[in-house]
Amino acid sequence: MFEDIRKNKRKSIFIVFGFVLIITLILYYICMAFDISGPMAITISLAFSILASWASYYNSDKIILSVTKARPATEEEDKKIINILEGLMISSGLSHKPKLYVVEEPQPNAFATGRNPEHAIICVTTGLLEKLEYYELEGVIAHEMAHIKNYDILLSAVVTVMVGFIVMLSDIFTRTFLYGGSKRDRDSDNKGNAIAMIIGLVLLILAPIVGKIMQMAVSRRREFLADSTAVEFTRNPDGLISALRKLDEDTNELKVANKATENMYIVNPFKKNANGKKKASLFSTHPTIDDRIEALQNIK
C-alpha cells in the first residue's frame, strides 16, 4: 500500500508538469493567432499555465463540489451516513475525519476528493442514501475512505480539474477561431486565419484524446485496490458486493456528472444501453462491476 501511495504522488507530479506543458503550447498558439509572438507569448503562456496548475491543485475540491452542487451533510438529514463514517474511522486508520457532502441526485453514487487526507471530502448522492441498506452504505463509504488513505484522491482531483480545463480551453479556442472569427482586419490575415483554423481543428481532435489519456493515469487498478481495502475496514465483502450490484442496476442519470469527473465516482455515472449498464472499453475509467464483484468474492 505504501508503494502505491508513493506511485500516486509521483503520478500527480508528472501530470501537473504535463498539464503545464500542454496548456503552455495551446496558449502559445493562441497568442500567435492574436499576433503576439516571441518572448511575450512564451511569458504569457507559461505564467498562465503555472497559475492554472497552482489553482487546480489547491482548489480542486472546491471546484468539484461547485460543479456537482454538493451541500454539507447535516446531523438532522444525514445522521446515518455520519454515524457510518464515525464507526469506520478507527478501522481505517485515518487520523483526520473526511468532511461529508451530499448531492441531490436520484442515481446512487459516491466519490472522494481533496488534495490529501487532511483535506479530504466524501460526497454521496441522495439516491445512495435512499436505496442502500446500512451495510451496503458502509461498504461504499469504506471504499471512498480507502481512496483517501491510498492518496487516490489527489491524483483523481488533479486529473479531473486539469482535463476539464484543457477541454474547455480547446473548445473556447475552436469556437473563437473556427466559428466566431477574429476581430482583426480580415483582409490582411487570410493566411493567419487558415493557420488558426488548422490549429483549432487539431486541438478539437486532440483535446478529448489527451483528456482520456490523463484519466487513464488513474488506473482501473485503483478501484480494485479500494474495494479490497474497504473489505479490510469493514470485514464484510457482502455489503460492498450488494452495493455494487444495486449501483450497477440503477438506470437513473447523474446530471451533475461530466466526462471530466466520471473517473471519480465509485461506479461510472453514465448509462449507455437499455438495461442501464455501460460496457467496459479500452478507454473506460472503471473496470466492469462483474470483474469487481468476482475479485471481492475471491477475498471471501
C-alpha atoms as a PDB file:
ATOM      1  CA  MET A   1       0.000   0.000   0.000  1.00  0.00           C
ATOM      2  CA  PHE A   2       2.820   2.404   0.851  1.00  0.00           C
ATOM      3  CA  GLU A   3       4.362   1.789  -2.578  1.00  0.00           C
ATOM      4  CA  ASP A   4       1.004   2.584  -4.200  1.00  0.00           C
ATOM      5  CA  ILE A   5       0.838   5.840  -2.261  1.00  0.00           C
ATOM      6  CA  ARG A   6       4.319   6.816  -3.472  1.00  0.00           C
ATOM      7  CA  LYS A   7       3.363   5.943  -7.059  1.00  0.00           C
ATOM      8  CA  ASN A   8       0.250   8.105  -6.819  1.00  0.00           C
ATOM      9  CA  LYS A   9       2.287  11.071  -5.592  1.00  0.00           C
ATOM     10  CA  ARG A  10       4.788  10.633  -8.453  1.00  0.00           C
ATOM     11  CA  LYS A  11       1.975  10.338 -10.997  1.00  0.00           C
ATOM     12  CA  SER A  12       0.416  13.550  -9.690  1.00  0.00           C
ATOM     13  CA  ILE A  13       3.699  15.447 -10.136  1.00  0.00           C
ATOM     14  CA  PHE A  14       4.108  14.038 -13.654  1.00  0.00           C
ATOM     15  CA  ILE A  15       0.532  15.007 -14.594  1.00  0.00           C
ATOM     16  CA  VAL A  16       0.957  18.547 -13.268  1.00  0.00           C
ATOM     17  CA  PHE A  17       4.104  19.031 -15.376  1.00  0.00           C
ATOM     18  CA  GLY A  18       2.350  17.525 -18.396  1.00  0.00           C
ATOM     19  CA  PHE A  19      -0.588  19.852 -17.839  1.00  0.00           C
ATOM     20  CA  VAL A  20       1.722  22.894 -17.686  1.00  0.00           C
ATOM     21  CA  LEU A  21       3.332  21.853 -20.978  1.00  0.00           C
ATOM     22  CA  ILE A  22       0.034  21.247 -22.799  1.00  0.00           C
ATOM     23  CA  ILE A  23      -1.571  24.494 -21.627  1.00  0.00           C
ATOM     24  CA  THR A  24       1.591  26.437 -22.450  1.00  0.00           C
ATOM     25  CA  LEU A  25       1.581  25.110 -26.018  1.00  0.00           C
ATOM     26  CA  ILE A  26      -2.134  25.790 -26.519  1.00  0.00           C
ATOM     27  CA  LEU A  27      -1.839  29.328 -25.165  1.00  0.00           C
ATOM     28  CA  TYR A  28       1.286  29.957 -27.225  1.00  0.00           C
ATOM     29  CA  TYR A  29      -0.613  29.189 -30.413  1.00  0.00           C
ATOM     30  CA  ILE A  30      -3.496  31.381 -29.266  1.00  0.00           C
ATOM     31  CA  CYS A  31      -1.047  34.247 -28.712  1.00  0.00           C
ATOM     32  CA  MET A  32       0.307  33.701 -32.208  1.00  0.00           C
ATOM     33  CA  ALA A  33      -3.217  33.898 -33.599  1.00  0.00           C
ATOM     34  CA  PHE A  34      -3.551  37.313 -31.953  1.00  0.00           C
ATOM     35  CA  ASP A  35      -0.213  38.458 -33.409  1.00  0.00           C
ATOM     36  CA  ILE A  36       1.544  38.137 -30.050  1.00  0.00           C
ATOM     37  CA  SER A  37       4.786  36.292 -30.660  1.00  0.00           C
ATOM     38  CA  GLY A  38       8.284  35.785 -29.330  1.00  0.00           C
ATOM     39  CA  PRO A  39       9.262  36.149 -25.642  1.00  0.00           C
ATOM     40  CA  MET A  40       5.984  37.874 -24.751  1.00  0.00           C
ATOM     41  CA  ALA A  41       3.905  34.908 -25.990  1.00  0.00           C
ATOM     42  CA  ILE A  42       6.085  32.422 -24.123  1.00  0.00           C
ATOM     43  CA  THR A  43       5.941  34.510 -20.925  1.00  0.00           C
ATOM     44  CA  ILE A  44       2.140  34.861 -21.056  1.00  0.00           C
ATOM     45  CA  SER A  45       1.607  31.170 -21.826  1.00  0.00           C
ATOM     46  CA  LEU A  46       3.950  29.843 -19.163  1.00  0.00           C
ATOM     47  CA  ALA A  47       2.730  32.230 -16.460  1.00  0.00           C
ATOM     48  CA  PHE A  48      -0.928  31.407 -17.120  1.00  0.00           C
ATOM     49  CA  SER A  49      -0.357  27.624 -17.202  1.00  0.00           C
ATOM     50  CA  ILE A  50       1.623  27.673 -13.917  1.00  0.00           C
ATOM     51  CA  LEU A  51      -1.075  29.783 -12.267  1.00  0.00           C
ATOM     52  CA  ALA A  52      -3.787  27.424 -13.541  1.00  0.00           C
ATOM     53  CA  SER A  53      -1.863  24.409 -12.203  1.00  0.00           C
ATOM     54  CA  TRP A  54      -1.421  26.023  -8.790  1.00  0.00           C
ATOM     55  CA  ALA A  55      -5.116  26.948  -8.618  1.00  0.00           C
ATOM     56  CA  SER A  56      -6.127  23.435  -9.717  1.00  0.00           C
ATOM     57  CA  TYR A  57      -4.014  21.780  -7.034  1.00  0.00           C
ATOM     58  CA  TYR A  58      -5.171  23.922  -4.122  1.00  0.00           C
ATOM     59  CA  ASN A  59      -8.791  24.416  -5.202  1.00  0.00           C
ATOM     60  CA  SER A  60      -9.655  21.155  -6.977  1.00  0.00           C
ATOM     61  CA  ASP A  61     -12.007  20.047  -4.179  1.00  0.00           C
ATOM     62  CA  LYS A  62     -13.866  23.376  -4.179  1.00  0.00           C
ATOM     63  CA  ILE A  63     -14.175  23.324  -7.966  1.00  0.00           C
ATOM     64  CA  ILE A  64     -15.535  19.778  -7.963  1.00  0.00           C
ATOM     65  CA  LEU A  65     -18.016  20.476  -5.163  1.00  0.00           C
ATOM     66  CA  SER A  66     -19.228  23.541  -7.062  1.00  0.00           C
ATOM     67  CA  VAL A  67     -19.666  21.567 -10.297  1.00  0.00           C
ATOM     68  CA  THR A  68     -21.592  18.798  -8.520  1.00  0.00           C
ATOM     69  CA  LYS A  69     -23.695  21.297  -6.499  1.00  0.00           C
ATOM     70  CA  ALA A  70     -22.950  19.414  -3.279  1.00  0.00           C
ATOM     71  CA  ARG A  71     -24.114  20.566   0.159  1.00  0.00           C
ATOM     72  CA  PRO A  72     -22.589  19.721   3.561  1.00  0.00           C
ATOM     73  CA  ALA A  73     -24.165  16.745   5.340  1.00  0.00           C
ATOM     74  CA  THR A  74     -26.145  17.621   8.484  1.00  0.00           C
ATOM     75  CA  GLU A  75     -26.998  15.708  11.652  1.00  0.00           C
ATOM     76  CA  GLU A  76     -30.702  16.336  11.054  1.00  0.00           C
ATOM     77  CA  GLU A  77     -30.861  14.942   7.498  1.00  0.00           C
ATOM     78  CA  ASP A  78     -27.873  12.625   7.174  1.00  0.00           C
ATOM     79  CA  LYS A  79     -27.291  11.110  10.621  1.00  0.00           C
ATOM     80  CA  LYS A  80     -26.985   7.536   9.320  1.00  0.00           C
ATOM     81  CA  ILE A  81     -24.122   8.298   6.965  1.00  0.00           C
ATOM     82  CA  ILE A  82     -22.389  10.410   9.615  1.00  0.00           C
ATOM     83  CA  ASN A  83     -22.583   7.507  12.094  1.00  0.00           C
ATOM     84  CA  ILE A  84     -21.167   5.110   9.491  1.00  0.00           C
ATOM     85  CA  LEU A  85     -18.218   7.414   8.891  1.00  0.00           C
ATOM     86  CA  GLU A  86     -17.575   7.726  12.624  1.00  0.00           C
ATOM     87  CA  GLY A  87     -17.636   3.963  13.009  1.00  0.00           C
ATOM     88  CA  LEU A  88     -15.092   3.425  10.220  1.00  0.00           C
ATOM     89  CA  MET A  89     -12.550   5.962  11.469  1.00  0.00           C
ATOM     90  CA  ILE A  90     -10.815   3.511  13.821  1.00  0.00           C
ATOM     91  CA  SER A  91     -10.597   0.574  11.403  1.00  0.00           C
ATOM     92  CA  SER A  92      -9.468   2.808   8.513  1.00  0.00           C
ATOM     93  CA  GLY A  93      -6.532   4.254  10.446  1.00  0.00           C
ATOM     94  CA  LEU A  94      -7.204   7.764   9.106  1.00  0.00           C
ATOM     95  CA  SER A  95      -6.086  10.468  11.516  1.00  0.00           C
ATOM     96  CA  HIS A  96      -8.365  13.156  10.052  1.00  0.00           C
ATOM     97  CA  LYS A  97     -12.089  12.645   9.573  1.00  0.00           C
ATOM     98  CA  PRO A  98     -13.209  13.473   5.999  1.00  0.00           C
ATOM     99  CA  LYS A  99     -15.923  16.060   5.511  1.00  0.00           C
ATOM    100  CA  LEU A 100     -19.236  14.704   4.261  1.00  0.00           C
ATOM    101  CA  TYR A 101     -21.230  16.260   1.405  1.00  0.00           C
ATOM    102  CA  VAL A 102     -24.480  15.287  -0.296  1.00  0.00           C
ATOM    103  CA  VAL A 103     -25.644  15.784  -3.897  1.00  0.00           C
ATOM    104  CA  GLU A 104     -29.372  15.911  -4.598  1.00  0.00           C
ATOM    105  CA  GLU A 105     -29.449  13.280  -7.347  1.00  0.00           C
ATOM    106  CA  PRO A 106     -31.535  10.083  -7.698  1.00  0.00           C
ATOM    107  CA  GLN A 107     -28.670   7.950  -9.061  1.00  0.00           C
ATOM    108  CA  PRO A 108     -26.907   6.111  -6.209  1.00  0.00           C
ATOM    109  CA  ASN A 109     -23.227   7.049  -6.430  1.00  0.00           C
ATOM    110  CA  ALA A 110     -20.340   8.488  -4.418  1.00  0.00           C
ATOM    111  CA  PHE A 111     -16.847   9.910  -4.748  1.00  0.00           C
ATOM    112  CA  ALA A 112     -13.972  11.206  -2.640  1.00  0.00           C
ATOM    113  CA  THR A 113     -11.830  14.243  -3.396  1.00  0.00           C
ATOM    114  CA  GLY A 114      -9.247  16.566  -1.855  1.00  0.00           C
ATOM    115  CA  ARG A 115      -5.505  17.057  -2.187  1.00  0.00           C
ATOM    116  CA  ASN A 116      -4.582  14.918   0.858  1.00  0.00           C
ATOM    117  CA  PRO A 117      -6.198  13.056   3.795  1.00  0.00           C
ATOM    118  CA  GLU A 118      -6.116  16.240   5.881  1.00  0.00           C
ATOM    119  CA  HIS A 119      -8.361  18.000   3.327  1.00  0.00           C
ATOM    120  CA  ALA A 120     -10.435  15.017   2.220  1.00  0.00           C
ATOM    121  CA  ILE A 121     -14.108  15.077   1.274  1.00  0.00           C
ATOM    122  CA  ILE A 122     -16.555  12.226   0.729  1.00  0.00           C
ATOM    123  CA  CYS A 123     -19.619  13.062  -1.330  1.00  0.00           C
ATOM    124  CA  VAL A 124     -22.690  10.836  -1.726  1.00  0.00           C
ATOM    125  CA  THR A 125     -25.933  11.244  -3.640  1.00  0.00           C
ATOM    126  CA  THR A 126     -29.365  11.233  -2.047  1.00  0.00           C
ATOM    127  CA  GLY A 127     -30.126   8.235  -4.251  1.00  0.00           C
ATOM    128  CA  LEU A 128     -27.361   6.314  -2.476  1.00  0.00           C
ATOM    129  CA  LEU A 129     -28.763   7.192   0.953  1.00  0.00           C
ATOM    130  CA  GLU A 130     -32.305   6.223  -0.042  1.00  0.00           C
ATOM    131  CA  LYS A 131     -31.642   2.967  -1.904  1.00  0.00           C
ATOM    132  CA  LEU A 132     -28.863   1.252   0.068  1.00  0.00           C
ATOM    133  CA  GLU A 133     -29.099  -0.635   3.350  1.00  0.00           C
ATOM    134  CA  TYR A 134     -26.804   0.125   6.279  1.00  0.00           C
ATOM    135  CA  TYR A 135     -24.072  -2.428   5.468  1.00  0.00           C
ATOM    136  CA  GLU A 136     -24.181  -1.523   1.771  1.00  0.00           C
ATOM    137  CA  LEU A 137     -23.661   2.125   2.663  1.00  0.00           C
ATOM    138  CA  GLU A 138     -20.837   1.097   4.975  1.00  0.00           C
ATOM    139  CA  GLY A 139     -19.137  -0.696   2.082  1.00  0.00           C
ATOM    140  CA  VAL A 140     -19.399   2.346  -0.179  1.00  0.00           C
ATOM    141  CA  ILE A 141     -18.092   4.759   2.458  1.00  0.00           C
ATOM    142  CA  ALA A 142     -15.242   2.360   3.267  1.00  0.00           C
ATOM    143  CA  HIS A 143     -14.370   2.265  -0.458  1.00  0.00           C
ATOM    144  CA  GLU A 144     -14.128   6.067  -0.561  1.00  0.00           C
ATOM    145  CA  MET A 145     -12.087   6.135   2.650  1.00  0.00           C
ATOM    146  CA  ALA A 146      -9.719   3.645   1.011  1.00  0.00           C
ATOM    147  CA  HIS A 147      -9.224   6.104  -1.866  1.00  0.00           C
ATOM    148  CA  ILE A 148      -8.357   8.756   0.718  1.00  0.00           C
ATOM    149  CA  LYS A 149      -5.888   6.561   2.591  1.00  0.00           C
ATOM    150  CA  ASN A 150      -4.209   5.465  -0.651  1.00  0.00           C
ATOM    151  CA  TYR A 151      -3.876   9.085  -1.893  1.00  0.00           C
ATOM    152  CA  ASP A 152      -6.023   8.264  -4.928  1.00  0.00           C
ATOM    153  CA  ILE A 153      -7.972  11.453  -4.235  1.00  0.00           C
ATOM    154  CA  LEU A 154      -5.006  13.693  -5.050  1.00  0.00           C
ATOM    155  CA  LEU A 155      -4.433  12.018  -8.398  1.00  0.00           C
ATOM    156  CA  SER A 156      -8.146  11.900  -9.232  1.00  0.00           C
ATOM    157  CA  ALA A 157      -8.859  15.521  -8.289  1.00  0.00           C
ATOM    158  CA  VAL A 158      -5.861  16.897 -10.180  1.00  0.00           C
ATOM    159  CA  VAL A 159      -6.738  14.869 -13.298  1.00  0.00           C
ATOM    160  CA  THR A 160     -10.403  15.875 -13.132  1.00  0.00           C
ATOM    161  CA  VAL A 161      -9.792  19.614 -12.939  1.00  0.00           C
ATOM    162  CA  MET A 162      -6.958  19.649 -15.460  1.00  0.00           C
ATOM    163  CA  VAL A 163      -8.788  17.534 -18.026  1.00  0.00           C
ATOM    164  CA  GLY A 164     -11.797  19.814 -17.735  1.00  0.00           C
ATOM    165  CA  PHE A 165      -9.613  22.888 -18.158  1.00  0.00           C
ATOM    166  CA  ILE A 166      -7.853  21.533 -21.247  1.00  0.00           C
ATOM    167  CA  VAL A 167     -11.107  20.567 -22.953  1.00  0.00           C
ATOM    168  CA  MET A 168     -12.694  23.920 -22.051  1.00  0.00           C
ATOM    169  CA  LEU A 169      -9.717  25.884 -23.372  1.00  0.00           C
ATOM    170  CA  SER A 170      -9.692  23.876 -26.584  1.00  0.00           C
ATOM    171  CA  ASP A 171     -13.433  24.413 -27.012  1.00  0.00           C
ATOM    172  CA  ILE A 172     -13.149  28.182 -26.491  1.00  0.00           C
ATOM    173  CA  PHE A 173     -10.246  28.370 -28.927  1.00  0.00           C
ATOM    174  CA  THR A 174     -12.080  26.338 -31.563  1.00  0.00           C
ATOM    175  CA  ARG A 175     -15.321  28.311 -31.269  1.00  0.00           C
ATOM    176  CA  THR A 176     -13.466  31.615 -31.423  1.00  0.00           C
ATOM    177  CA  PHE A 177     -11.360  30.899 -34.481  1.00  0.00           C
ATOM    178  CA  LEU A 178     -13.401  28.360 -36.427  1.00  0.00           C
ATOM    179  CA  TYR A 179     -16.855  29.832 -35.928  1.00  0.00           C
ATOM    180  CA  GLY A 180     -16.596  33.272 -34.425  1.00  0.00           C
ATOM    181  CA  GLY A 181     -13.709  34.555 -36.466  1.00  0.00           C
ATOM    182  CA  SER A 182     -11.092  37.083 -35.441  1.00  0.00           C
ATOM    183  CA  LYS A 183     -11.730  40.721 -34.692  1.00  0.00           C
ATOM    184  CA  ARG A 184      -8.697  41.723 -36.648  1.00  0.00           C
ATOM    185  CA  ASP A 185      -8.699  43.028 -40.192  1.00  0.00           C
ATOM    186  CA  ARG A 186      -9.717  40.015 -42.305  1.00  0.00           C
ATOM    187  CA  ASP A 187      -8.234  41.492 -45.490  1.00  0.00           C
ATOM    188  CA  SER A 188      -4.716  41.236 -44.164  1.00  0.00           C
ATOM    189  CA  ASP A 189      -4.761  37.959 -42.301  1.00  0.00           C
ATOM    190  CA  ASN A 190      -6.118  35.254 -44.609  1.00  0.00           C
ATOM    191  CA  LYS A 191      -3.008  33.212 -44.018  1.00  0.00           C
ATOM    192  CA  GLY A 192      -3.272  33.712 -40.258  1.00  0.00           C
ATOM    193  CA  ASN A 193      -6.926  32.609 -40.304  1.00  0.00           C
ATOM    194  CA  ALA A 194      -6.011  29.460 -42.231  1.00  0.00           C
ATOM    195  CA  ILE A 195      -3.313  28.613 -39.702  1.00  0.00           C
ATOM    196  CA  ALA A 196      -5.689  29.316 -36.814  1.00  0.00           C
ATOM    197  CA  MET A 197      -8.326  27.041 -38.382  1.00  0.00           C
ATOM    198  CA  ILE A 198      -5.819  24.198 -38.714  1.00  0.00           C
ATOM    199  CA  ILE A 199      -4.635  24.649 -35.134  1.00  0.00           C
ATOM    200  CA  GLY A 200      -8.217  24.820 -33.912  1.00  0.00           C
ATOM    201  CA  LEU A 201      -9.106  21.606 -35.742  1.00  0.00           C
ATOM    202  CA  VAL A 202      -6.052  19.787 -34.350  1.00  0.00           C
ATOM    203  CA  LEU A 203      -6.873  20.933 -30.811  1.00  0.00           C
ATOM    204  CA  LEU A 204     -10.503  19.932 -31.261  1.00  0.00           C
ATOM    205  CA  ILE A 205      -9.413  16.411 -32.202  1.00  0.00           C
ATOM    206  CA  LEU A 206      -6.614  16.017 -29.668  1.00  0.00           C
ATOM    207  CA  ALA A 207      -8.172  17.579 -26.542  1.00  0.00           C
ATOM    208  CA  PRO A 208     -10.588  14.688 -25.809  1.00  0.00           C
ATOM    209  CA  ILE A 209      -7.812  12.171 -26.525  1.00  0.00           C
ATOM    210  CA  VAL A 210      -5.406  13.972 -24.187  1.00  0.00           C
ATOM    211  CA  GLY A 211      -8.154  14.091 -21.588  1.00  0.00           C
ATOM    212  CA  LYS A 212      -8.754  10.356 -21.829  1.00  0.00           C
ATOM    213  CA  ILE A 213      -5.044   9.599 -21.606  1.00  0.00           C
ATOM    214  CA  MET A 214      -4.770  11.718 -18.455  1.00  0.00           C
ATOM    215  CA  GLN A 215      -7.787   9.968 -16.970  1.00  0.00           C
ATOM    216  CA  MET A 216      -6.263   6.598 -17.774  1.00  0.00           C
ATOM    217  CA  ALA A 217      -3.405   7.634 -15.462  1.00  0.00           C
ATOM    218  CA  VAL A 218      -5.977   6.986 -12.745  1.00  0.00           C
ATOM    219  CA  SER A 219      -5.685   3.248 -13.351  1.00  0.00           C
ATOM    220  CA  ARG A 220      -8.615   0.868 -13.099  1.00  0.00           C
ATOM    221  CA  ARG A 221      -6.435  -0.990 -10.618  1.00  0.00           C
ATOM    222  CA  ARG A 222      -7.224   1.839  -8.198  1.00  0.00           C
ATOM    223  CA  GLU A 223     -10.837   0.631  -7.986  1.00  0.00           C
ATOM    224  CA  PHE A 224      -9.837  -2.981  -7.308  1.00  0.00           C
ATOM    225  CA  LEU A 225      -7.413  -1.828  -4.622  1.00  0.00           C
ATOM    226  CA  ALA A 226     -10.011   0.444  -2.998  1.00  0.00           C
ATOM    227  CA  ASP A 227     -12.549  -2.412  -2.998  1.00  0.00           C
ATOM    228  CA  SER A 228     -10.133  -4.789  -1.272  1.00  0.00           C
ATOM    229  CA  THR A 229      -9.028  -2.109   1.210  1.00  0.00           C
ATOM    230  CA  ALA A 230     -12.683  -1.369   2.004  1.00  0.00           C
ATOM    231  CA  VAL A 231     -13.153  -5.023   2.951  1.00  0.00           C
ATOM    232  CA  GLU A 232     -10.186  -4.711   5.321  1.00  0.00           C
ATOM    233  CA  PHE A 233     -12.025  -1.828   7.017  1.00  0.00           C
ATOM    234  CA  THR A 234     -15.467  -3.484   7.228  1.00  0.00           C
ATOM    235  CA  ARG A 235     -14.609  -7.223   7.323  1.00  0.00           C
ATOM    236  CA  ASN A 236     -17.790  -7.634   5.249  1.00  0.00           C
ATOM    237  CA  PRO A 237     -17.320  -8.096   1.471  1.00  0.00           C
ATOM    238  CA  ASP A 238     -21.017  -8.943   1.067  1.00  0.00           C
ATOM    239  CA  GLY A 239     -22.019  -5.378   1.925  1.00  0.00           C
ATOM    240  CA  LEU A 240     -19.909  -3.857  -0.852  1.00  0.00           C
ATOM    241  CA  ILE A 241     -20.844  -6.619  -3.327  1.00  0.00           C
ATOM    242  CA  SER A 242     -24.539  -5.967  -2.741  1.00  0.00           C
ATOM    243  CA  ALA A 243     -23.985  -2.206  -3.045  1.00  0.00           C
ATOM    244  CA  LEU A 244     -22.129  -2.554  -6.362  1.00  0.00           C
ATOM    245  CA  ARG A 245     -24.947  -4.696  -7.778  1.00  0.00           C
ATOM    246  CA  LYS A 246     -27.569  -2.105  -6.818  1.00  0.00           C
ATOM    247  CA  LEU A 247     -25.498   0.759  -8.229  1.00  0.00           C
ATOM    248  CA  ASP A 248     -24.956  -1.146 -11.466  1.00  0.00           C
ATOM    249  CA  GLU A 249     -28.655  -1.961 -11.892  1.00  0.00           C
ATOM    250  CA  ASP A 250     -29.886   1.582 -11.294  1.00  0.00           C
ATOM    251  CA  THR A 251     -30.900   3.327 -14.550  1.00  0.00           C
ATOM    252  CA  ASN A 252     -31.047   6.944 -13.343  1.00  0.00           C
ATOM    253  CA  GLU A 253     -28.754   9.502 -14.969  1.00  0.00           C
ATOM    254  CA  LEU A 254     -26.386  11.582 -12.856  1.00  0.00           C
ATOM    255  CA  LYS A 255     -26.973  15.043 -14.294  1.00  0.00           C
ATOM    256  CA  VAL A 256     -24.110  16.748 -12.442  1.00  0.00           C
ATOM    257  CA  ALA A 257     -21.520  14.319 -13.841  1.00  0.00           C
ATOM    258  CA  ASN A 258     -19.469  15.055 -16.953  1.00  0.00           C
ATOM    259  CA  LYS A 259     -16.612  13.492 -18.920  1.00  0.00           C
ATOM    260  CA  ALA A 260     -14.030  15.227 -16.753  1.00  0.00           C
ATOM    261  CA  THR A 261     -15.467  13.945 -13.449  1.00  0.00           C
ATOM    262  CA  GLU A 262     -16.601  10.430 -14.428  1.00  0.00           C
ATOM    263  CA  ASN A 263     -13.379   8.800 -13.193  1.00  0.00           C
ATOM    264  CA  MET A 264     -14.037   9.990  -9.625  1.00  0.00           C
ATOM    265  CA  TYR A 265     -17.213   8.019  -8.918  1.00  0.00           C
ATOM    266  CA  ILE A 266     -17.393   4.559  -7.356  1.00  0.00           C
ATOM    267  CA  VAL A 267     -19.256   3.375 -10.483  1.00  0.00           C
ATOM    268  CA  ASN A 268     -19.411   5.011 -13.897  1.00  0.00           C
ATOM    269  CA  PRO A 269     -22.203   7.628 -13.735  1.00  0.00           C
ATOM    270  CA  PHE A 270     -23.167   7.290 -17.413  1.00  0.00           C
ATOM    271  CA  LYS A 271     -25.706   4.678 -18.510  1.00  0.00           C
ATOM    272  CA  LYS A 272     -25.367   3.569 -22.121  1.00  0.00           C
ATOM    273  CA  ASN A 273     -27.597   0.658 -23.089  1.00  0.00           C
ATOM    274  CA  ALA A 274     -31.176  -0.386 -22.495  1.00  0.00           C
ATOM    275  CA  ASN A 275     -30.606  -2.078 -19.151  1.00  0.00           C
ATOM    276  CA  GLY A 276     -28.623   0.889 -17.837  1.00  0.00           C
ATOM    277  CA  LYS A 277     -25.237  -0.811 -17.906  1.00  0.00           C
ATOM    278  CA  LYS A 278     -22.196   0.610 -19.639  1.00  0.00           C
ATOM    279  CA  LYS A 279     -19.857  -1.895 -21.227  1.00  0.00           C
ATOM    280  CA  ALA A 280     -16.168  -1.553 -20.479  1.00  0.00           C
ATOM    281  CA  SER A 281     -13.884  -0.500 -23.329  1.00  0.00           C
ATOM    282  CA  LEU A 282     -10.215   0.306 -23.829  1.00  0.00           C
ATOM    283  CA  PHE A 283     -10.807   3.873 -22.592  1.00  0.00           C
ATOM    284  CA  SER A 284     -13.203   3.016 -19.752  1.00  0.00           C
ATOM    285  CA  THR A 285     -12.413   4.755 -16.498  1.00  0.00           C
ATOM    286  CA  HIS A 286     -13.782   1.846 -14.416  1.00  0.00           C
ATOM    287  CA  PRO A 287     -13.455  -1.954 -14.522  1.00  0.00           C
ATOM    288  CA  THR A 288     -16.722  -3.819 -15.038  1.00  0.00           C
ATOM    289  CA  ILE A 289     -18.901  -4.451 -11.999  1.00  0.00           C
ATOM    290  CA  ASP A 290     -18.767  -8.196 -12.710  1.00  0.00           C
ATOM    291  CA  ASP A 291     -14.956  -8.130 -12.531  1.00  0.00           C
ATOM    292  CA  ARG A 292     -15.023  -6.154  -9.296  1.00  0.00           C
ATOM    293  CA  ILE A 293     -17.564  -8.495  -7.711  1.00  0.00           C
ATOM    294  CA  GLU A 294     -15.550 -11.537  -8.784  1.00  0.00           C
ATOM    295  CA  ALA A 295     -12.435 -10.029  -7.177  1.00  0.00           C
ATOM    296  CA  LEU A 296     -14.352  -9.378  -3.946  1.00  0.00           C
ATOM    297  CA  GLN A 297     -15.758 -12.902  -3.902  1.00  0.00           C
ATOM    298  CA  ASN A 298     -12.232 -14.268  -4.175  1.00  0.00           C
ATOM    299  CA  ILE A 299     -11.374 -12.433  -0.941  1.00  0.00           C
ATOM    300  CA  LYS A 300     -14.088 -14.312   0.972  1.00  0.00           C
END
